[in-house]
Amino acid sequence: MTVLIIDQMHPSIVPLLEAEGFGVDYRPDISRGELLACIGAYDGLVIRSKTPIDREVLVGAKKLRFVARAGAGLDNIDLEFLEQNGIALYHAPEGNRDAVAEHAIGMILMLFNKLGQADFQVRNGIWDREGNRGEELSGKTVGIFGYGNMGKSFAKRLRGFDVNVLAFDKYLSGYGDEWVEEATFEQIQRDADILSIHVPLTSETRNYFTIERLERFRKPFYLVNTARGEVIGFDTLNEALSRKILKGALLDVLENERLQALSTAQKISFQQLTERKNVLFSPHVAGWTNESYLKINQVLVKKISGKWTDLG
């Protein structure tokens, strides 16, 4: 079987696949036009997020037996076409779930302890202890929205902080465990001091967090989003922060991450977010560690070869 890789990957991907008997063409610089021209020759396609794997690509993939996504999100792939044509789909959320969980914890601790502000001030000769008095995570109630790989890993990382953890997942049941209490979304709206989002982007989750839904939380809370930016828009975030529905926002992902291509309205709204001291950003790197870069390949190749066993 021959496999085409069209995105930049950790260099281990080629020897890992070759060890399983695959012929590999590693072409991270391939253009979409070149992909359309050659896809019919391959049995497998390994991707990140360079180009949508849509019907235009897939109708020409006459030999294709699988698509493998080196990461978690599947919103860039025509899943319906794959299912209708018996093409297998593999992805590797297990490879970066620990990285996402640690990043989410890090963002919370950084904001609660004003570490960005404190570091900047000390570097500039300001020694302001009272102005940098922090807030403790201990004793808080954390709501987890989505209890898949990322949500569960996040819950595990919270266990040493003496917090109450509630998890809601519409598509699961009986998932309460030693780390979380299974909850309704209404319970989370009633009790949460922090809400961490861990759902994929779908037609259902796009713009899910409207101002009306946020208004139903009983008390001001912190929002953590390491999932997909499109689940909550810039304007909604600004309104919720201005009205103190949100005490703060921790954003690894944005409604539009192409910052040089924001619309005029988005530029204004994003600028407002950047001026808020209770908002913390990172550039979609929660799952982007040195370790996860390798682990994603290892998980993906095991799934492709039928050898995957999740011990996590």
C-alpha atoms as a PDB file:
ATOM      1  CA  MET A   1       0.000   0.000   0.000  1.00  0.00           C
ATOM      2  CA  THR A   2       1.210   3.486  -0.827  1.00  0.00           C
ATOM      3  CA  VAL A   3       0.643   6.459   1.450  1.00  0.00           C
ATOM      4  CA  LEU A   4       0.856  10.164   0.632  1.00  0.00           C
ATOM      5  CA  ILE A   5       1.724  12.631   3.417  1.00  0.00           C
ATOM      6  CA  ILE A   6       0.816  16.206   2.496  1.00  0.00           C
ATOM      7  CA  ASP A   7       1.715  18.171   5.644  1.00  0.00           C
ATOM      8  CA  GLN A   8       4.842  18.858   7.664  1.00  0.00           C
ATOM      9  CA  MET A   9       5.154  16.054  10.221  1.00  0.00           C
ATOM     10  CA  HIS A  10       7.589  14.884  12.865  1.00  0.00           C
ATOM     11  CA  PRO A  11      10.318  13.030  10.904  1.00  0.00           C
ATOM     12  CA  SER A  12       9.444   9.758  12.620  1.00  0.00           C
ATOM     13  CA  ILE A  13       6.318   9.356  10.478  1.00  0.00           C
ATOM     14  CA  VAL A  14       8.120   7.908   7.430  1.00  0.00           C
ATOM     15  CA  PRO A  15      10.144   5.179   9.215  1.00  0.00           C
ATOM     16  CA  LEU A  16       7.144   4.289  11.392  1.00  0.00           C
ATOM     17  CA  LEU A  17       4.971   3.693   8.328  1.00  0.00           C
ATOM     18  CA  GLU A  18       7.729   1.934   6.395  1.00  0.00           C
ATOM     19  CA  ALA A  19       8.251  -0.433   9.336  1.00  0.00           C
ATOM     20  CA  GLU A  20       4.605  -1.483   8.888  1.00  0.00           C
ATOM     21  CA  GLY A  21       5.165  -2.240   5.210  1.00  0.00           C
ATOM     22  CA  PHE A  22       3.808   0.939   3.621  1.00  0.00           C
ATOM     23  CA  GLY A  23       5.389   2.749   0.729  1.00  0.00           C
ATOM     24  CA  VAL A  24       5.542   6.429   1.653  1.00  0.00           C
ATOM     25  CA  ASP A  25       5.657   9.627  -0.379  1.00  0.00           C
ATOM     26  CA  TYR A  26       6.402  12.541   1.941  1.00  0.00           C
ATOM     27  CA  ARG A  27       5.389  15.735   0.164  1.00  0.00           C
ATOM     28  CA  PRO A  28       4.723  18.473   2.741  1.00  0.00           C
ATOM     29  CA  ASP A  29       5.127  21.181   0.094  1.00  0.00           C
ATOM     30  CA  ILE A  30       2.546  19.743  -2.288  1.00  0.00           C
ATOM     31  CA  SER A  31       0.002  22.241  -3.634  1.00  0.00           C
ATOM     32  CA  ARG A  32      -3.717  21.564  -3.737  1.00  0.00           C
ATOM     33  CA  GLY A  33      -3.560  21.376  -7.505  1.00  0.00           C
ATOM     34  CA  GLU A  34      -0.787  18.783  -7.352  1.00  0.00           C
ATOM     35  CA  LEU A  35      -2.768  16.823  -4.763  1.00  0.00           C
ATOM     36  CA  LEU A  36      -5.821  16.734  -7.018  1.00  0.00           C
ATOM     37  CA  ALA A  37      -3.651  15.497  -9.873  1.00  0.00           C
ATOM     38  CA  CYS A  38      -2.005  12.614  -8.010  1.00  0.00           C
ATOM     39  CA  ILE A  39      -4.383  11.482  -5.255  1.00  0.00           C
ATOM     40  CA  GLY A  40      -5.767   8.670  -7.425  1.00  0.00           C
ATOM     41  CA  ALA A  41      -2.492   6.746  -7.134  1.00  0.00           C
ATOM     42  CA  TYR A  42      -2.582   6.319  -3.346  1.00  0.00           C
ATOM     43  CA  ASP A  43      -4.155   3.901  -0.878  1.00  0.00           C
ATOM     44  CA  GLY A  44      -3.694   6.171   2.134  1.00  0.00           C
ATOM     45  CA  LEU A  45      -3.590   9.901   2.851  1.00  0.00           C
ATOM     46  CA  VAL A  46      -1.987  11.432   5.957  1.00  0.00           C
ATOM     47  CA  ILE A  47      -2.858  15.048   6.724  1.00  0.00           C
ATOM     48  CA  ARG A  48      -2.818  17.847   9.265  1.00  0.00           C
ATOM     49  CA  SER A  49      -4.760  20.906   8.144  1.00  0.00           C
ATOM     50  CA  LYS A  50      -3.126  22.244   4.979  1.00  0.00           C
ATOM     51  CA  THR A  51      -6.171  21.861   2.745  1.00  0.00           C
ATOM     52  CA  PRO A  52      -9.783  20.709   3.167  1.00  0.00           C
ATOM     53  CA  ILE A  53     -10.170  17.039   2.356  1.00  0.00           C
ATOM     54  CA  ASP A  54     -13.451  17.685   0.638  1.00  0.00           C
ATOM     55  CA  ARG A  55     -15.435  16.050  -2.147  1.00  0.00           C
ATOM     56  CA  GLU A  56     -13.246  17.661  -4.826  1.00  0.00           C
ATOM     57  CA  VAL A  57     -10.233  15.824  -3.436  1.00  0.00           C
ATOM     58  CA  LEU A  58     -11.966  12.584  -2.566  1.00  0.00           C
ATOM     59  CA  VAL A  59     -13.813  11.905  -5.820  1.00  0.00           C
ATOM     60  CA  GLY A  60     -10.462  11.502  -7.535  1.00  0.00           C
ATOM     61  CA  ALA A  61      -9.094   9.172  -4.855  1.00  0.00           C
ATOM     62  CA  LYS A  62     -10.235   5.969  -6.551  1.00  0.00           C
ATOM     63  CA  LYS A  63      -7.868   3.686  -4.613  1.00  0.00           C
ATOM     64  CA  LEU A  64      -8.115   5.425  -1.230  1.00  0.00           C
ATOM     65  CA  ARG A  65      -8.600   3.092   1.708  1.00  0.00           C
ATOM     66  CA  PHE A  66      -7.952   5.492   4.585  1.00  0.00           C
ATOM     67  CA  VAL A  67      -7.454   9.108   5.631  1.00  0.00           C
ATOM     68  CA  ALA A  68      -5.327   9.677   8.730  1.00  0.00           C
ATOM     69  CA  ARG A  69      -5.395  13.025  10.539  1.00  0.00           C
ATOM     70  CA  ALA A  70      -2.302  13.778  12.620  1.00  0.00           C
ATOM     71  CA  GLY A  71      -4.195  15.497  15.411  1.00  0.00           C
ATOM     72  CA  ALA A  72      -7.673  15.586  16.875  1.00  0.00           C
ATOM     73  CA  GLY A  73      -9.986  17.830  14.830  1.00  0.00           C
ATOM     74  CA  LEU A  74     -11.958  16.390  11.921  1.00  0.00           C
ATOM     75  CA  ASP A  75     -13.870  19.501  10.862  1.00  0.00           C
ATOM     76  CA  ASN A  76     -11.769  19.876   7.698  1.00  0.00           C
ATOM     77  CA  ILE A  77     -12.740  16.472   6.282  1.00  0.00           C
ATOM     78  CA  ASP A  78     -15.851  15.359   4.366  1.00  0.00           C
ATOM     79  CA  LEU A  79     -16.834  12.646   6.834  1.00  0.00           C
ATOM     80  CA  GLU A  80     -20.038  11.809   4.980  1.00  0.00           C
ATOM     81  CA  PHE A  81     -18.143  10.989   1.785  1.00  0.00           C
ATOM     82  CA  LEU A  82     -15.721   8.747   3.674  1.00  0.00           C
ATOM     83  CA  GLU A  83     -18.547   6.828   5.303  1.00  0.00           C
ATOM     84  CA  GLN A  84     -20.531   6.456   2.070  1.00  0.00           C
ATOM     85  CA  ASN A  85     -17.484   5.112   0.261  1.00  0.00           C
ATOM     86  CA  GLY A  86     -16.108   2.817   2.962  1.00  0.00           C
ATOM     87  CA  ILE A  87     -12.934   4.855   3.456  1.00  0.00           C
ATOM     88  CA  ALA A  88     -11.519   4.432   6.957  1.00  0.00           C
ATOM     89  CA  LEU A  89     -10.746   7.473   9.077  1.00  0.00           C
ATOM     90  CA  TYR A  90      -8.061   7.628  11.760  1.00  0.00           C
ATOM     91  CA  HIS A  91      -7.066  10.480  14.018  1.00  0.00           C
ATOM     92  CA  ALA A  92      -4.847  10.805  17.076  1.00  0.00           C
ATOM     93  CA  PRO A  93      -6.376  12.819  19.927  1.00  0.00           C
ATOM     94  CA  GLU A  94      -4.632  10.460  22.329  1.00  0.00           C
ATOM     95  CA  GLY A  95      -1.311  11.825  21.093  1.00  0.00           C
ATOM     96  CA  ASN A  96      -1.835  15.391  22.312  1.00  0.00           C
ATOM     97  CA  ARG A  97      -4.477  15.085  25.026  1.00  0.00           C
ATOM     98  CA  ASP A  98      -1.917  15.392  27.825  1.00  0.00           C
ATOM     99  CA  ALA A  99      -0.405  18.469  26.208  1.00  0.00           C
ATOM    100  CA  VAL A 100      -3.829  20.134  25.938  1.00  0.00           C
ATOM    101  CA  ALA A 101      -4.646  19.307  29.547  1.00  0.00           C
ATOM    102  CA  GLU A 102      -1.376  20.713  30.874  1.00  0.00           C
ATOM    103  CA  HIS A 103      -1.753  23.851  28.767  1.00  0.00           C
ATOM    104  CA  ALA A 104      -5.265  24.487  30.083  1.00  0.00           C
ATOM    105  CA  ILE A 105      -4.043  24.109  33.670  1.00  0.00           C
ATOM    106  CA  GLY A 106      -1.114  26.409  32.926  1.00  0.00           C
ATOM    107  CA  MET A 107      -3.351  29.129  31.519  1.00  0.00           C
ATOM    108  CA  ILE A 108      -5.618  29.008  34.571  1.00  0.00           C
ATOM    109  CA  LEU A 109      -2.704  29.235  36.983  1.00  0.00           C
ATOM    110  CA  MET A 110      -1.095  32.032  34.996  1.00  0.00           C
ATOM    111  CA  LEU A 111      -4.219  34.188  35.034  1.00  0.00           C
ATOM    112  CA  PHE A 112      -5.130  33.414  38.655  1.00  0.00           C
ATOM    113  CA  ASN A 113      -1.647  34.349  39.826  1.00  0.00           C
ATOM    114  CA  LYS A 114      -1.192  37.306  37.432  1.00  0.00           C
ATOM    115  CA  LEU A 115       2.099  35.836  36.285  1.00  0.00           C
ATOM    116  CA  GLY A 116       2.246  37.691  32.981  1.00  0.00           C
ATOM    117  CA  GLN A 117       1.705  41.056  34.648  1.00  0.00           C
ATOM    118  CA  ALA A 118       4.036  40.255  37.541  1.00  0.00           C
ATOM    119  CA  ASP A 119       6.867  39.148  35.250  1.00  0.00           C
ATOM    120  CA  PHE A 120       6.517  42.274  33.102  1.00  0.00           C
ATOM    121  CA  GLN A 121       6.500  44.578  36.128  1.00  0.00           C
ATOM    122  CA  VAL A 122       9.533  43.059  37.843  1.00  0.00           C
ATOM    123  CA  ARG A 123      11.511  43.198  34.577  1.00  0.00           C
ATOM    124  CA  ASN A 124      10.695  46.903  34.517  1.00  0.00           C
ATOM    125  CA  GLY A 125      11.686  47.598  38.107  1.00  0.00           C
ATOM    126  CA  ILE A 126       8.198  47.501  39.632  1.00  0.00           C
ATOM    127  CA  TRP A 127       7.845  45.548  42.883  1.00  0.00           C
ATOM    128  CA  ASP A 128       4.078  45.551  43.506  1.00  0.00           C
ATOM    129  CA  ARG A 129       3.085  42.721  45.816  1.00  0.00           C
ATOM    130  CA  GLU A 130      -0.467  43.864  46.555  1.00  0.00           C
ATOM    131  CA  GLY A 131      -1.242  44.547  42.895  1.00  0.00           C
ATOM    132  CA  ASN A 132      -0.252  40.978  42.110  1.00  0.00           C
ATOM    133  CA  ARG A 133      -2.191  39.221  44.846  1.00  0.00           C
ATOM    134  CA  GLY A 134      -3.446  35.970  43.296  1.00  0.00           C
ATOM    135  CA  GLU A 135      -6.467  33.709  43.467  1.00  0.00           C
ATOM    136  CA  GLU A 136      -6.372  30.031  44.410  1.00  0.00           C
ATOM    137  CA  LEU A 137      -7.746  27.220  42.296  1.00  0.00           C
ATOM    138  CA  SER A 138      -8.383  25.124  45.400  1.00  0.00           C
ATOM    139  CA  GLY A 139     -12.022  25.004  46.451  1.00  0.00           C
ATOM    140  CA  LYS A 140     -13.399  25.980  43.047  1.00  0.00           C
ATOM    141  CA  THR A 141     -15.903  24.027  40.935  1.00  0.00           C
ATOM    142  CA  VAL A 142     -14.639  23.283  37.437  1.00  0.00           C
ATOM    143  CA  GLY A 143     -17.089  22.389  34.684  1.00  0.00           C
ATOM    144  CA  ILE A 144     -15.858  20.363  31.721  1.00  0.00           C
ATOM    145  CA  PHE A 145     -17.885  20.666  28.523  1.00  0.00           C
ATOM    146  CA  GLY A 146     -17.147  17.507  26.543  1.00  0.00           C
ATOM    147  CA  TYR A 147     -15.648  14.444  28.204  1.00  0.00           C
ATOM    148  CA  GLY A 148     -13.639  12.812  25.449  1.00  0.00           C
ATOM    149  CA  ASN A 149      -9.871  12.429  25.300  1.00  0.00           C
ATOM    150  CA  MET A 150      -9.090  16.068  26.086  1.00  0.00           C
ATOM    151  CA  GLY A 151     -11.745  16.526  28.744  1.00  0.00           C
ATOM    152  CA  LYS A 152     -10.775  13.375  30.600  1.00  0.00           C
ATOM    153  CA  SER A 153      -7.064  14.193  30.524  1.00  0.00           C
ATOM    154  CA  PHE A 154      -7.840  17.689  31.850  1.00  0.00           C
ATOM    155  CA  ALA A 155      -9.894  16.174  34.681  1.00  0.00           C
ATOM    156  CA  LYS A 156      -7.009  13.898  35.654  1.00  0.00           C
ATOM    157  CA  ARG A 157      -4.641  16.870  35.869  1.00  0.00           C
ATOM    158  CA  LEU A 158      -7.049  18.687  38.198  1.00  0.00           C
ATOM    159  CA  ARG A 159      -7.126  15.988  40.869  1.00  0.00           C
ATOM    160  CA  GLY A 160      -4.243  17.447  42.890  1.00  0.00           C
ATOM    161  CA  PHE A 161      -5.829  20.893  43.190  1.00  0.00           C
ATOM    162  CA  ASP A 162      -8.650  20.065  45.619  1.00  0.00           C
ATOM    163  CA  VAL A 163     -11.392  21.152  43.228  1.00  0.00           C
ATOM    164  CA  ASN A 164     -14.875  19.832  42.527  1.00  0.00           C
ATOM    165  CA  VAL A 165     -15.086  18.682  38.912  1.00  0.00           C
ATOM    166  CA  LEU A 166     -18.337  18.338  36.955  1.00  0.00           C
ATOM    167  CA  ALA A 167     -18.405  16.981  33.406  1.00  0.00           C
ATOM    168  CA  PHE A 168     -21.131  17.182  30.791  1.00  0.00           C
ATOM    169  CA  ASP A 169     -21.147  15.248  27.529  1.00  0.00           C
ATOM    170  CA  LYS A 170     -24.357  15.018  25.539  1.00  0.00           C
ATOM    171  CA  TYR A 171     -23.228  11.887  23.714  1.00  0.00           C
ATOM    172  CA  LEU A 172     -22.017   9.833  26.667  1.00  0.00           C
ATOM    173  CA  SER A 173     -23.641   8.245  29.709  1.00  0.00           C
ATOM    174  CA  GLY A 174     -22.256   6.543  32.781  1.00  0.00           C
ATOM    175  CA  TYR A 175     -18.933   8.393  32.490  1.00  0.00           C
ATOM    176  CA  GLY A 176     -18.635   9.550  36.069  1.00  0.00           C
ATOM    177  CA  ASP A 177     -15.357   8.267  37.460  1.00  0.00           C
ATOM    178  CA  GLU A 178     -12.713   8.937  40.085  1.00  0.00           C
ATOM    179  CA  TRP A 179     -11.955  12.319  38.515  1.00  0.00           C
ATOM    180  CA  VAL A 180     -15.369  13.773  37.722  1.00  0.00           C
ATOM    181  CA  GLU A 181     -19.014  13.772  38.638  1.00  0.00           C
ATOM    182  CA  GLU A 182     -21.308  13.236  35.671  1.00  0.00           C
ATOM    183  CA  ALA A 183     -23.508  16.316  35.436  1.00  0.00           C
ATOM    184  CA  THR A 184     -26.126  18.040  33.338  1.00  0.00           C
ATOM    185  CA  PHE A 185     -25.217  21.271  31.614  1.00  0.00           C
ATOM    186  CA  GLU A 186     -27.718  22.976  33.901  1.00  0.00           C
ATOM    187  CA  GLN A 187     -25.734  21.755  36.938  1.00  0.00           C
ATOM    188  CA  ILE A 188     -22.589  23.235  35.446  1.00  0.00           C
ATOM    189  CA  GLN A 189     -24.401  26.514  34.771  1.00  0.00           C
ATOM    190  CA  ARG A 190     -25.468  26.566  38.409  1.00  0.00           C
ATOM    191  CA  ASP A 191     -22.203  25.649  40.116  1.00  0.00           C
ATOM    192  CA  ALA A 192     -19.174  26.313  37.894  1.00  0.00           C
ATOM    193  CA  ASP A 193     -16.471  28.828  38.779  1.00  0.00           C
ATOM    194  CA  ILE A 194     -14.518  27.743  35.687  1.00  0.00           C
ATOM    195  CA  LEU A 195     -15.783  26.259  32.424  1.00  0.00           C
ATOM    196  CA  SER A 196     -13.318  24.423  30.166  1.00  0.00           C
ATOM    197  CA  ILE A 197     -14.428  23.594  26.623  1.00  0.00           C
ATOM    198  CA  HIS A 198     -13.347  20.263  25.102  1.00  0.00           C
ATOM    199  CA  VAL A 199     -15.632  19.586  22.139  1.00  0.00           C
ATOM    200  CA  PRO A 200     -14.950  19.263  18.408  1.00  0.00           C
ATOM    201  CA  LEU A 201     -16.251  21.801  15.930  1.00  0.00           C
ATOM    202  CA  THR A 202     -19.513  20.595  14.389  1.00  0.00           C
ATOM    203  CA  SER A 203     -22.665  22.247  13.094  1.00  0.00           C
ATOM    204  CA  GLU A 204     -24.033  21.802  16.617  1.00  0.00           C
ATOM    205  CA  THR A 205     -21.107  23.345  18.504  1.00  0.00           C
ATOM    206  CA  ARG A 206     -20.411  26.246  16.132  1.00  0.00           C
ATOM    207  CA  ASN A 207     -21.435  29.423  18.019  1.00  0.00           C
ATOM    208  CA  TYR A 208     -22.868  27.216  20.763  1.00  0.00           C
ATOM    209  CA  PHE A 209     -21.890  29.667  23.487  1.00  0.00           C
ATOM    210  CA  THR A 210     -24.222  32.548  22.783  1.00  0.00           C
ATOM    211  CA  ILE A 211     -24.706  35.409  25.203  1.00  0.00           C
ATOM    212  CA  GLU A 212     -28.115  33.932  26.061  1.00  0.00           C
ATOM    213  CA  ARG A 213     -26.533  30.640  27.074  1.00  0.00           C
ATOM    214  CA  LEU A 214     -23.828  32.396  29.119  1.00  0.00           C
ATOM    215  CA  GLU A 215     -26.445  34.523  30.885  1.00  0.00           C
ATOM    216  CA  ARG A 216     -27.895  31.353  32.415  1.00  0.00           C
ATOM    217  CA  PHE A 217     -24.805  30.748  34.543  1.00  0.00           C
ATOM    218  CA  ARG A 218     -25.662  31.550  38.136  1.00  0.00           C
ATOM    219  CA  LYS A 219     -22.410  33.333  38.957  1.00  0.00           C
ATOM    220  CA  PRO A 220     -19.517  34.960  37.119  1.00  0.00           C
ATOM    221  CA  PHE A 221     -17.033  32.365  35.868  1.00  0.00           C
ATOM    222  CA  TYR A 222     -13.790  31.917  33.943  1.00  0.00           C
ATOM    223  CA  LEU A 223     -13.947  30.455  30.432  1.00  0.00           C
ATOM    224  CA  VAL A 224     -11.132  28.248  29.077  1.00  0.00           C
ATOM    225  CA  ASN A 225     -11.141  27.350  25.379  1.00  0.00           C
ATOM    226  CA  THR A 226      -8.469  25.007  24.032  1.00  0.00           C
ATOM    227  CA  ALA A 227     -10.892  23.327  21.604  1.00  0.00           C
ATOM    228  CA  ARG A 228     -12.132  25.355  18.629  1.00  0.00           C
ATOM    229  CA  GLY A 229     -12.472  29.121  18.473  1.00  0.00           C
ATOM    230  CA  GLU A 230     -15.670  29.021  16.447  1.00  0.00           C
ATOM    231  CA  VAL A 231     -17.685  27.758  19.424  1.00  0.00           C
ATOM    232  CA  ILE A 232     -17.763  31.335  20.768  1.00  0.00           C
ATOM    233  CA  GLY A 233     -17.335  34.570  18.855  1.00  0.00           C
ATOM    234  CA  PHE A 234     -15.317  37.703  19.608  1.00  0.00           C
ATOM    235  CA  ASP A 235     -18.434  39.816  20.143  1.00  0.00           C
ATOM    236  CA  THR A 236     -19.945  37.327  22.570  1.00  0.00           C
ATOM    237  CA  LEU A 237     -16.735  37.212  24.582  1.00  0.00           C
ATOM    238  CA  ASN A 238     -16.529  40.985  24.757  1.00  0.00           C
ATOM    239  CA  GLU A 239     -20.131  41.391  25.813  1.00  0.00           C
ATOM    240  CA  ALA A 240     -19.863  38.682  28.474  1.00  0.00           C
ATOM    241  CA  LEU A 241     -16.651  40.218  29.841  1.00  0.00           C
ATOM    242  CA  SER A 242     -18.057  43.756  29.821  1.00  0.00           C
ATOM    243  CA  ARG A 243     -21.196  42.619  31.629  1.00  0.00           C
ATOM    244  CA  LYS A 244     -19.068  40.587  34.086  1.00  0.00           C
ATOM    245  CA  ILE A 245     -20.809  37.360  33.139  1.00  0.00           C
ATOM    246  CA  LEU A 246     -17.250  36.187  32.550  1.00  0.00           C
ATOM    247  CA  LYS A 247     -14.553  36.931  35.123  1.00  0.00           C
ATOM    248  CA  GLY A 248     -11.905  36.146  32.523  1.00  0.00           C
ATOM    249  CA  ALA A 249     -11.202  34.215  29.326  1.00  0.00           C
ATOM    250  CA  LEU A 250      -8.298  31.905  28.508  1.00  0.00           C
ATOM    251  CA  LEU A 251      -8.113  31.455  24.759  1.00  0.00           C
ATOM    252  CA  ASP A 252      -5.792  29.138  22.871  1.00  0.00           C
ATOM    253  CA  VAL A 253      -8.129  29.285  19.869  1.00  0.00           C
ATOM    254  CA  LEU A 254     -10.011  32.116  18.183  1.00  0.00           C
ATOM    255  CA  GLU A 255     -13.079  32.613  16.028  1.00  0.00           C
ATOM    256  CA  ASN A 256     -10.692  33.595  13.214  1.00  0.00           C
ATOM    257  CA  GLU A 257      -7.024  32.692  13.689  1.00  0.00           C
ATOM    258  CA  ARG A 258      -5.850  34.323  10.463  1.00  0.00           C
ATOM    259  CA  LEU A 259      -5.122  37.579  12.236  1.00  0.00           C
ATOM    260  CA  GLN A 260      -3.974  39.301   9.059  1.00  0.00           C
ATOM    261  CA  ALA A 261      -7.306  38.489   7.403  1.00  0.00           C
ATOM    262  CA  LEU A 262      -9.801  39.610  10.037  1.00  0.00           C
ATOM    263  CA  SER A 263     -12.818  41.513   8.823  1.00  0.00           C
ATOM    264  CA  THR A 264     -13.111  45.136   9.916  1.00  0.00           C
ATOM    265  CA  ALA A 265     -15.637  44.162  12.583  1.00  0.00           C
ATOM    266  CA  GLN A 266     -13.460  41.295  13.789  1.00  0.00           C
ATOM    267  CA  LYS A 267     -10.416  43.574  14.040  1.00  0.00           C
ATOM    268  CA  ILE A 268     -12.303  45.963  16.296  1.00  0.00           C
ATOM    269  CA  SER A 269     -13.679  43.171  18.469  1.00  0.00           C
ATOM    270  CA  PHE A 270     -10.345  41.350  18.700  1.00  0.00           C
ATOM    271  CA  GLN A 271      -8.578  44.584  19.635  1.00  0.00           C
ATOM    272  CA  GLN A 272     -11.029  45.020  22.499  1.00  0.00           C
ATOM    273  CA  LEU A 273     -10.171  41.553  23.750  1.00  0.00           C
ATOM    274  CA  THR A 274      -6.437  42.233  23.610  1.00  0.00           C
ATOM    275  CA  GLU A 275      -6.855  45.306  25.833  1.00  0.00           C
ATOM    276  CA  ARG A 276      -8.441  43.304  28.654  1.00  0.00           C
ATOM    277  CA  LYS A 277      -6.142  42.254  31.503  1.00  0.00           C
ATOM    278  CA  ASN A 278      -8.395  39.319  32.373  1.00  0.00           C
ATOM    279  CA  VAL A 279      -7.949  37.708  28.941  1.00  0.00           C
ATOM    280  CA  LEU A 280      -5.003  35.426  28.183  1.00  0.00           C
ATOM    281  CA  PHE A 281      -4.074  34.219  24.689  1.00  0.00           C
ATOM    282  CA  SER A 282      -1.884  31.559  23.126  1.00  0.00           C
ATOM    283  CA  PRO A 283      -1.605  30.793  19.374  1.00  0.00           C
ATOM    284  CA  HIS A 284      -3.399  27.424  19.118  1.00  0.00           C
ATOM    285  CA  VAL A 285      -0.499  25.576  20.715  1.00  0.00           C
ATOM    286  CA  ALA A 286      -2.201  23.720  23.570  1.00  0.00           C
ATOM    287  CA  GLY A 287      -1.550  20.379  21.913  1.00  0.00           C
ATOM    288  CA  TRP A 288       1.685  21.492  20.244  1.00  0.00           C
ATOM    289  CA  THR A 289       4.505  20.199  22.444  1.00  0.00           C
ATOM    290  CA  ASN A 290       7.743  18.471  21.476  1.00  0.00           C
ATOM    291  CA  GLU A 291       6.402  15.284  23.034  1.00  0.00           C
ATOM    292  CA  SER A 292       2.976  15.382  21.377  1.00  0.00           C
ATOM    293  CA  TYR A 293       4.577  15.967  17.964  1.00  0.00           C
ATOM    294  CA  LEU A 294       6.099  12.489  18.221  1.00  0.00           C
ATOM    295  CA  LYS A 295       3.263  10.786  20.128  1.00  0.00           C
ATOM    296  CA  ILE A 296       0.688  11.767  17.504  1.00  0.00           C
ATOM    297  CA  ASN A 297       2.698   9.843  14.873  1.00  0.00           C
ATOM    298  CA  GLN A 298       3.041   6.810  17.114  1.00  0.00           C
ATOM    299  CA  VAL A 299      -0.684   6.685  17.860  1.00  0.00           C
ATOM    300  CA  LEU A 300      -1.653   7.274  14.241  1.00  0.00           C
ATOM    301  CA  VAL A 301       0.554   4.538  12.810  1.00  0.00           C
ATOM    302  CA  LYS A 302      -0.650   2.041  15.413  1.00  0.00           C
ATOM    303  CA  LYS A 303      -4.248   2.806  14.453  1.00  0.00           C
ATOM    304  CA  ILE A 304      -3.526   2.502  10.731  1.00  0.00           C
ATOM    305  CA  SER A 305      -1.823  -0.846  11.281  1.00  0.00           C
ATOM    306  CA  GLY A 306      -4.525  -2.143  13.644  1.00  0.00           C
ATOM    307  CA  LYS A 307      -2.226  -2.317  16.661  1.00  0.00           C
ATOM    308  CA  TRP A 308      -3.622   0.505  18.806  1.00  0.00           C
ATOM    309  CA  THR A 309      -4.479  -0.200  22.420  1.00  0.00           C
ATOM    310  CA  ASP A 310      -5.308   2.807  24.596  1.00  0.00           C
ATOM    311  CA  LEU A 311      -3.792   2.360  28.022  1.00  0.00           C
ATOM    312  CA  GLY A 312      -4.407   5.998  29.026  1.00  0.00           C
END
